[in-house]
PDB file of all heavy atoms in Angstrom:
ATOM      1  N   VAL A   1       1.264 -11.058  -3.864  1.00  0.00           N
ATOM      2  CA  VAL A   1       1.561 -10.696  -2.505  1.00  0.00           C
ATOM      3  C   VAL A   1       1.341 -11.910  -1.577  1.00  0.00           C
ATOM      4  O   VAL A   1       0.202 -12.348  -1.414  1.00  0.00           O
ATOM      5  CB  VAL A   1       0.664  -9.508  -2.029  1.00  0.00           C
ATOM      6  CG1 VAL A   1       1.056  -9.056  -0.617  1.00  0.00           C
ATOM      7  CG2 VAL A   1       0.749  -8.362  -2.987  1.00  0.00           C
ATOM      8  N   GLU A   2       2.424 -12.453  -1.012  1.00  0.00           N
ATOM      9  CA  GLU A   2       2.362 -13.643  -0.168  1.00  0.00           C
ATOM     10  C   GLU A   2       2.315 -13.185   1.284  1.00  0.00           C
ATOM     11  O   GLU A   2       3.164 -12.429   1.743  1.00  0.00           O
ATOM     12  CB  GLU A   2       3.553 -14.554  -0.417  1.00  0.00           C
ATOM     13  CG  GLU A   2       3.552 -15.127  -1.832  1.00  0.00           C
ATOM     14  CD  GLU A   2       4.864 -15.822  -2.201  1.00  0.00           C
ATOM     15  OE1 GLU A   2       5.906 -15.303  -1.783  1.00  0.00           O
ATOM     16  OE2 GLU A   2       4.791 -16.850  -2.886  1.00  0.00           O
ATOM     17  N   CYS A   3       1.239 -13.628   2.016  1.00  0.00           N
ATOM     18  CA  CYS A   3       1.013 -13.136   3.369  1.00  0.00           C
ATOM     19  C   CYS A   3       1.012 -14.296   4.386  1.00  0.00           C
ATOM     20  O   CYS A   3       0.643 -15.423   4.058  1.00  0.00           O
ATOM     21  CB  CYS A   3      -0.347 -12.429   3.433  1.00  0.00           C
ATOM     22  SG  CYS A   3      -0.577 -11.199   2.110  1.00  0.00           S
ATOM     23  N   ASP A   4       1.423 -13.978   5.605  1.00  0.00           N
ATOM     24  CA  ASP A   4       1.485 -14.978   6.669  1.00  0.00           C
ATOM     25  C   ASP A   4       0.079 -15.459   7.067  1.00  0.00           C
ATOM     26  O   ASP A   4      -0.103 -16.622   7.400  1.00  0.00           O
ATOM     27  CB  ASP A   4       2.225 -14.437   7.894  1.00  0.00           C
ATOM     28  CG  ASP A   4       3.707 -14.170   7.600  1.00  0.00           C
ATOM     29  OD1 ASP A   4       4.247 -14.833   6.684  1.00  0.00           O
ATOM     30  OD2 ASP A   4       4.291 -13.262   8.233  1.00  0.00           O
ATOM     31  N   GLY A   5      -0.876 -14.527   7.130  1.00  0.00           N
ATOM     32  CA  GLY A   5      -2.231 -14.856   7.541  1.00  0.00           C
ATOM     33  C   GLY A   5      -3.149 -13.684   7.243  1.00  0.00           C
ATOM     34  O   GLY A   5      -2.774 -12.713   6.571  1.00  0.00           O
ATOM     35  N   GLU A   6      -4.402 -13.752   7.718  1.00  0.00           N
ATOM     36  CA  GLU A   6      -5.395 -12.749   7.400  1.00  0.00           C
ATOM     37  C   GLU A   6      -5.003 -11.351   7.886  1.00  0.00           C
ATOM     38  O   GLU A   6      -5.197 -10.347   7.181  1.00  0.00           O
ATOM     39  CB  GLU A   6      -6.756 -13.125   7.974  1.00  0.00           C
ATOM     40  CG  GLU A   6      -7.498 -14.266   7.250  1.00  0.00           C
ATOM     41  CD  GLU A   6      -7.029 -15.648   7.651  1.00  0.00           C
ATOM     42  OE1 GLU A   6      -6.131 -15.765   8.500  1.00  0.00           O
ATOM     43  OE2 GLU A   6      -7.625 -16.622   7.162  1.00  0.00           O
ATOM     44  N   ASP A   7      -4.426 -11.247   9.108  1.00  0.00           N
ATOM     45  CA  ASP A   7      -4.005  -9.940   9.615  1.00  0.00           C
ATOM     46  C   ASP A   7      -2.936  -9.341   8.722  1.00  0.00           C
ATOM     47  O   ASP A   7      -2.995  -8.156   8.384  1.00  0.00           O
ATOM     48  CB  ASP A   7      -3.463 -10.099  11.050  1.00  0.00           C
ATOM     49  CG  ASP A   7      -4.588 -10.121  12.075  1.00  0.00           C
ATOM     50  OD1 ASP A   7      -5.535 -10.917  11.881  1.00  0.00           O
ATOM     51  OD2 ASP A   7      -4.500  -9.336  13.065  1.00  0.00           O
ATOM     52  N   HIS A   8      -1.948 -10.165   8.425  1.00  0.00           N
ATOM     53  CA  HIS A   8      -0.833  -9.698   7.568  1.00  0.00           C
ATOM     54  C   HIS A   8      -1.381  -9.274   6.189  1.00  0.00           C
ATOM     55  O   HIS A   8      -0.963  -8.254   5.597  1.00  0.00           O
ATOM     56  CB  HIS A   8       0.195 -10.813   7.424  1.00  0.00           C
ATOM     57  CG  HIS A   8       1.461 -10.379   6.740  1.00  0.00           C
ATOM     58  ND1 HIS A   8       2.194 -11.245   5.969  1.00  0.00           N
ATOM     59  CD2 HIS A   8       2.095  -9.203   6.700  1.00  0.00           C
ATOM     60  CE1 HIS A   8       3.230 -10.593   5.481  1.00  0.00           C
ATOM     61  NE2 HIS A   8       3.224  -9.358   5.927  1.00  0.00           N
ATOM     62  N   GLU A   9      -2.323 -10.058   5.672  1.00  0.00           N
ATOM     63  CA  GLU A   9      -2.890  -9.734   4.356  1.00  0.00           C
ATOM     64  C   GLU A   9      -3.570  -8.341   4.364  1.00  0.00           C
ATOM     65  O   GLU A   9      -3.374  -7.551   3.453  1.00  0.00           O
ATOM     66  CB  GLU A   9      -3.899 -10.818   3.955  1.00  0.00           C
ATOM     67  CG  GLU A   9      -4.563 -10.514   2.588  1.00  0.00           C
ATOM     68  CD  GLU A   9      -5.543 -11.641   2.202  1.00  0.00           C
ATOM     69  OE1 GLU A   9      -6.397 -11.989   3.021  1.00  0.00           O
ATOM     70  OE2 GLU A   9      -5.466 -12.084   1.062  1.00  0.00           O
ATOM     71  N   ALA A  10      -4.354  -8.095   5.410  1.00  0.00           N
ATOM     72  CA  ALA A  10      -5.049  -6.818   5.522  1.00  0.00           C
ATOM     73  C   ALA A  10      -4.057  -5.674   5.675  1.00  0.00           C
ATOM     74  O   ALA A  10      -4.222  -4.605   5.108  1.00  0.00           O
ATOM     75  CB  ALA A  10      -6.032  -6.874   6.679  1.00  0.00           C
ATOM     76  N   GLU A  11      -2.995  -5.916   6.462  1.00  0.00           N
ATOM     77  CA  GLU A  11      -1.953  -4.856   6.646  1.00  0.00           C
ATOM     78  C   GLU A  11      -1.293  -4.531   5.297  1.00  0.00           C
ATOM     79  O   GLU A  11      -1.039  -3.354   5.003  1.00  0.00           O
ATOM     80  CB  GLU A  11      -0.920  -5.341   7.645  1.00  0.00           C
ATOM     81  CG  GLU A  11      -1.429  -5.354   9.086  1.00  0.00           C
ATOM     82  CD  GLU A  11      -0.516  -6.137  10.044  1.00  0.00           C
ATOM     83  OE1 GLU A  11       0.526  -6.608   9.570  1.00  0.00           O
ATOM     84  OE2 GLU A  11      -0.868  -6.242  11.239  1.00  0.00           O
ATOM     85  N   ARG A  12      -1.007  -5.565   4.508  1.00  0.00           N
ATOM     86  CA  ARG A  12      -0.347  -5.364   3.232  1.00  0.00           C
ATOM     87  C   ARG A  12      -1.282  -4.681   2.249  1.00  0.00           C
ATOM     88  O   ARG A  12      -0.827  -3.897   1.390  1.00  0.00           O
ATOM     89  CB  ARG A  12       0.217  -6.660   2.698  1.00  0.00           C
ATOM     90  CG  ARG A  12       1.305  -7.238   3.590  1.00  0.00           C
ATOM     91  CD  ARG A  12       2.068  -8.341   2.926  1.00  0.00           C
ATOM     92  NE  ARG A  12       2.971  -7.848   1.852  1.00  0.00           N
ATOM     93  CZ  ARG A  12       3.887  -8.581   1.246  1.00  0.00           C
ATOM     94  NH1 ARG A  12       4.065  -9.848   1.604  1.00  0.00           N
ATOM     95  NH2 ARG A  12       4.613  -8.095   0.298  1.00  0.00           N
ATOM     96  N   ALA A  13      -2.576  -4.965   2.321  1.00  0.00           N
ATOM     97  CA  ALA A  13      -3.534  -4.258   1.483  1.00  0.00           C
ATOM     98  C   ALA A  13      -3.555  -2.767   1.805  1.00  0.00           C
ATOM     99  O   ALA A  13      -3.567  -1.914   0.899  1.00  0.00           O
ATOM    100  CB  ALA A  13      -4.914  -4.869   1.638  1.00  0.00           C
ATOM    101  N   VAL A  14      -3.521  -2.476   3.121  1.00  0.00           N
ATOM    102  CA  VAL A  14      -3.473  -1.072   3.546  1.00  0.00           C
ATOM    103  C   VAL A  14      -2.173  -0.413   3.047  1.00  0.00           C
ATOM    104  O   VAL A  14      -2.201   0.716   2.534  1.00  0.00           O
ATOM    105  CB  VAL A  14      -3.569  -0.974   5.091  1.00  0.00           C
ATOM    106  CG1 VAL A  14      -3.195   0.430   5.572  1.00  0.00           C
ATOM    107  CG2 VAL A  14      -4.971  -1.361   5.568  1.00  0.00           C
ATOM    108  N   ALA A  15      -1.060  -1.118   3.146  1.00  0.00           N
ATOM    109  CA  ALA A  15       0.221  -0.594   2.679  1.00  0.00           C
ATOM    110  C   ALA A  15       0.216  -0.359   1.179  1.00  0.00           C
ATOM    111  O   ALA A  15       0.792   0.612   0.658  1.00  0.00           O
ATOM    112  CB  ALA A  15       1.338  -1.535   3.033  1.00  0.00           C
ATOM    113  N   PHE A  16      -0.422  -1.277   0.439  1.00  0.00           N
ATOM    114  CA  PHE A  16      -0.583  -1.154  -1.007  1.00  0.00           C
ATOM    115  C   PHE A  16      -1.312   0.163  -1.340  1.00  0.00           C
ATOM    116  O   PHE A  16      -0.885   0.937  -2.246  1.00  0.00           O
ATOM    117  CB  PHE A  16      -1.377  -2.370  -1.533  1.00  0.00           C
ATOM    118  CG  PHE A  16      -1.794  -2.311  -2.989  1.00  0.00           C
ATOM    119  CD1 PHE A  16      -0.868  -2.604  -3.981  1.00  0.00           C
ATOM    120  CD2 PHE A  16      -3.068  -2.003  -3.348  1.00  0.00           C
ATOM    121  CE1 PHE A  16      -1.241  -2.588  -5.340  1.00  0.00           C
ATOM    122  CE2 PHE A  16      -3.447  -1.970  -4.669  1.00  0.00           C
ATOM    123  CZ  PHE A  16      -2.553  -2.264  -5.655  1.00  0.00           C
ATOM    124  N   ILE A  17      -2.370   0.441  -0.614  1.00  0.00           N
ATOM    125  CA  ILE A  17      -3.146   1.665  -0.832  1.00  0.00           C
ATOM    126  C   ILE A  17      -2.292   2.898  -0.531  1.00  0.00           C
ATOM    127  O   ILE A  17      -2.227   3.852  -1.276  1.00  0.00           O
ATOM    128  CB  ILE A  17      -4.440   1.622   0.003  1.00  0.00           C
ATOM    129  CG1 ILE A  17      -5.420   0.539  -0.516  1.00  0.00           C
ATOM    130  CG2 ILE A  17      -5.145   3.000  -0.004  1.00  0.00           C
ATOM    131  CD1 ILE A  17      -6.527   0.228   0.403  1.00  0.00           C
ATOM    132  N   GLN A  18      -1.651   2.848   0.640  1.00  0.00           N
ATOM    133  CA  GLN A  18      -0.828   3.993   1.064  1.00  0.00           C
ATOM    134  C   GLN A  18       0.322   4.259   0.124  1.00  0.00           C
ATOM    135  O   GLN A  18       0.659   5.414  -0.191  1.00  0.00           O
ATOM    136  CB  GLN A  18      -0.321   3.772   2.480  1.00  0.00           C
ATOM    137  CG  GLN A  18      -1.432   3.805   3.539  1.00  0.00           C
ATOM    138  CD  GLN A  18      -0.958   3.368   4.902  1.00  0.00           C
ATOM    139  OE1 GLN A  18      -0.065   2.505   5.009  1.00  0.00           O
ATOM    140  NE2 GLN A  18      -1.502   3.963   5.959  1.00  0.00           N
ATOM    141  N   ALA A  19       0.953   3.180  -0.384  1.00  0.00           N
ATOM    142  CA  ALA A  19       2.093   3.343  -1.298  1.00  0.00           C
ATOM    143  C   ALA A  19       1.641   4.000  -2.581  1.00  0.00           C
ATOM    144  O   ALA A  19       2.324   4.924  -3.099  1.00  0.00           O
ATOM    145  CB  ALA A  19       2.724   1.975  -1.572  1.00  0.00           C
ATOM    146  N   ILE A  20       0.565   3.559  -3.162  1.00  0.00           N
ATOM    147  CA  ILE A  20       0.123   4.125  -4.431  1.00  0.00           C
ATOM    148  C   ILE A  20      -0.372   5.552  -4.234  1.00  0.00           C
ATOM    149  O   ILE A  20      -0.117   6.422  -5.038  1.00  0.00           O
ATOM    150  CB  ILE A  20      -0.990   3.255  -5.067  1.00  0.00           C
ATOM    151  CG1 ILE A  20      -0.388   1.910  -5.528  1.00  0.00           C
ATOM    152  CG2 ILE A  20      -1.693   3.960  -6.235  1.00  0.00           C
ATOM    153  CD1 ILE A  20      -1.353   0.938  -6.105  1.00  0.00           C
ATOM    154  N   ARG A  21      -0.989   5.817  -3.096  1.00  0.00           N
ATOM    155  CA  ARG A  21      -1.412   7.175  -2.766  1.00  0.00           C
ATOM    156  C   ARG A  21      -0.196   8.088  -2.647  1.00  0.00           C
ATOM    157  O   ARG A  21      -0.167   9.196  -3.177  1.00  0.00           O
ATOM    158  CB  ARG A  21      -2.204   7.205  -1.466  1.00  0.00           C
ATOM    159  CG  ARG A  21      -3.599   6.581  -1.593  1.00  0.00           C
ATOM    160  CD  ARG A  21      -4.695   7.635  -1.587  1.00  0.00           C
ATOM    161  NE  ARG A  21      -4.621   8.468  -0.426  1.00  0.00           N
ATOM    162  CZ  ARG A  21      -5.211   9.666  -0.346  1.00  0.00           C
ATOM    163  NH1 ARG A  21      -5.910  10.112  -1.395  1.00  0.00           N
ATOM    164  NH2 ARG A  21      -5.089  10.393   0.725  1.00  0.00           N
ATOM    165  N   ALA A  22       0.841   7.594  -1.941  1.00  0.00           N
ATOM    166  CA  ALA A  22       2.069   8.397  -1.751  1.00  0.00           C
ATOM    167  C   ALA A  22       2.731   8.647  -3.094  1.00  0.00           C
ATOM    168  O   ALA A  22       3.206   9.772  -3.376  1.00  0.00           O
ATOM    169  CB  ALA A  22       3.036   7.683  -0.830  1.00  0.00           C
ATOM    170  N   ARG A  23       2.750   7.624  -3.960  1.00  0.00           N
ATOM    171  CA  ARG A  23       3.349   7.789  -5.286  1.00  0.00           C
ATOM    172  C   ARG A  23       2.548   8.810  -6.101  1.00  0.00           C
ATOM    173  O   ARG A  23       3.131   9.619  -6.823  1.00  0.00           O
ATOM    174  CB  ARG A  23       3.363   6.433  -5.980  1.00  0.00           C
ATOM    175  CG  ARG A  23       4.172   6.407  -7.248  1.00  0.00           C
ATOM    176  CD  ARG A  23       4.270   5.010  -7.799  1.00  0.00           C
ATOM    177  NE  ARG A  23       2.980   4.480  -8.219  1.00  0.00           N
ATOM    178  CZ  ARG A  23       2.727   3.207  -8.511  1.00  0.00           C
ATOM    179  NH1 ARG A  23       3.670   2.314  -8.363  1.00  0.00           N
ATOM    180  NH2 ARG A  23       1.559   2.825  -8.876  1.00  0.00           N
ATOM    181  N   GLY A  24       1.230   8.765  -5.935  1.00  0.00           N
ATOM    182  CA  GLY A  24       0.382   9.718  -6.631  1.00  0.00           C
ATOM    183  C   GLY A  24       0.626  11.145  -6.192  1.00  0.00           C
ATOM    184  O   GLY A  24       0.666  12.080  -6.984  1.00  0.00           O
ATOM    185  N   VAL A  25       0.841  11.310  -4.879  1.00  0.00           N
ATOM    186  CA  VAL A  25       1.104  12.641  -4.331  1.00  0.00           C
ATOM    187  C   VAL A  25       2.447  13.154  -4.865  1.00  0.00           C
ATOM    188  O   VAL A  25       2.577  14.295  -5.273  1.00  0.00           O
ATOM    189  CB  VAL A  25       1.096  12.603  -2.797  1.00  0.00           C
ATOM    190  CG1 VAL A  25       1.669  13.903  -2.220  1.00  0.00           C
ATOM    191  CG2 VAL A  25      -0.272  12.369  -2.256  1.00  0.00           C
ATOM    192  N   GLU A  26       3.472  12.237  -4.886  1.00  0.00           N
ATOM    193  CA  GLU A  26       4.769  12.630  -5.397  1.00  0.00           C
ATOM    194  C   GLU A  26       4.664  13.015  -6.869  1.00  0.00           C
ATOM    195  O   GLU A  26       5.186  14.062  -7.284  1.00  0.00           O
ATOM    196  CB  GLU A  26       5.718  11.428  -5.251  1.00  0.00           C
ATOM    197  CG  GLU A  26       7.108  11.729  -5.803  1.00  0.00           C
ATOM    198  CD  GLU A  26       7.956  10.470  -5.857  1.00  0.00           C
ATOM    199  OE1 GLU A  26       7.415   9.359  -6.025  1.00  0.00           O
ATOM    200  OE2 GLU A  26       9.194  10.617  -5.733  1.00  0.00           O
ATOM    201  N   SER A  27       3.881  12.187  -7.645  1.00  0.00           N
ATOM    202  CA  SER A  27       3.736  12.473  -9.075  1.00  0.00           C
ATOM    203  C   SER A  27       3.006  13.819  -9.257  1.00  0.00           C
ATOM    204  O   SER A  27       3.388  14.633 -10.090  1.00  0.00           O
ATOM    205  CB  SER A  27       2.934  11.347  -9.720  1.00  0.00           C
ATOM    206  OG  SER A  27       2.574  11.714 -11.038  1.00  0.00           O
ATOM    207  N   ALA A  28       1.974  14.050  -8.451  1.00  0.00           N
ATOM    208  CA  ALA A  28       1.213  15.304  -8.581  1.00  0.00           C
ATOM    209  C   ALA A  28       2.065  16.480  -8.248  1.00  0.00           C
ATOM    210  O   ALA A  28       1.998  17.543  -8.866  1.00  0.00           O
ATOM    211  CB  ALA A  28       0.004  15.255  -7.664  1.00  0.00           C
ATOM    212  N   GLY A  29       2.968  16.315  -7.232  1.00  0.00           N
ATOM    213  CA  GLY A  29       3.871  17.408  -6.895  1.00  0.00           C
ATOM    214  C   GLY A  29       4.838  17.727  -8.012  1.00  0.00           C
ATOM    215  O   GLY A  29       5.080  18.876  -8.312  1.00  0.00           O
ATOM    216  N   ALA A  30       5.342  16.687  -8.645  1.00  0.00           N
ATOM    217  CA  ALA A  30       6.327  16.886  -9.736  1.00  0.00           C
ATOM    218  C   ALA A  30       5.691  17.433 -10.975  1.00  0.00           C
ATOM    219  O   ALA A  30       6.341  18.093 -11.812  1.00  0.00           O
ATOM    220  CB  ALA A  30       7.024  15.543 -10.031  1.00  0.00           C
TER     221      ALA A  30
END
């Protein structure tokens, strides 16, 4: 994950968590 700076890095880490959580919810639903 290539980031512009510390703020961007933290935002992408949050997005990483949200994406895997969303995928988990989708998987659990299916």
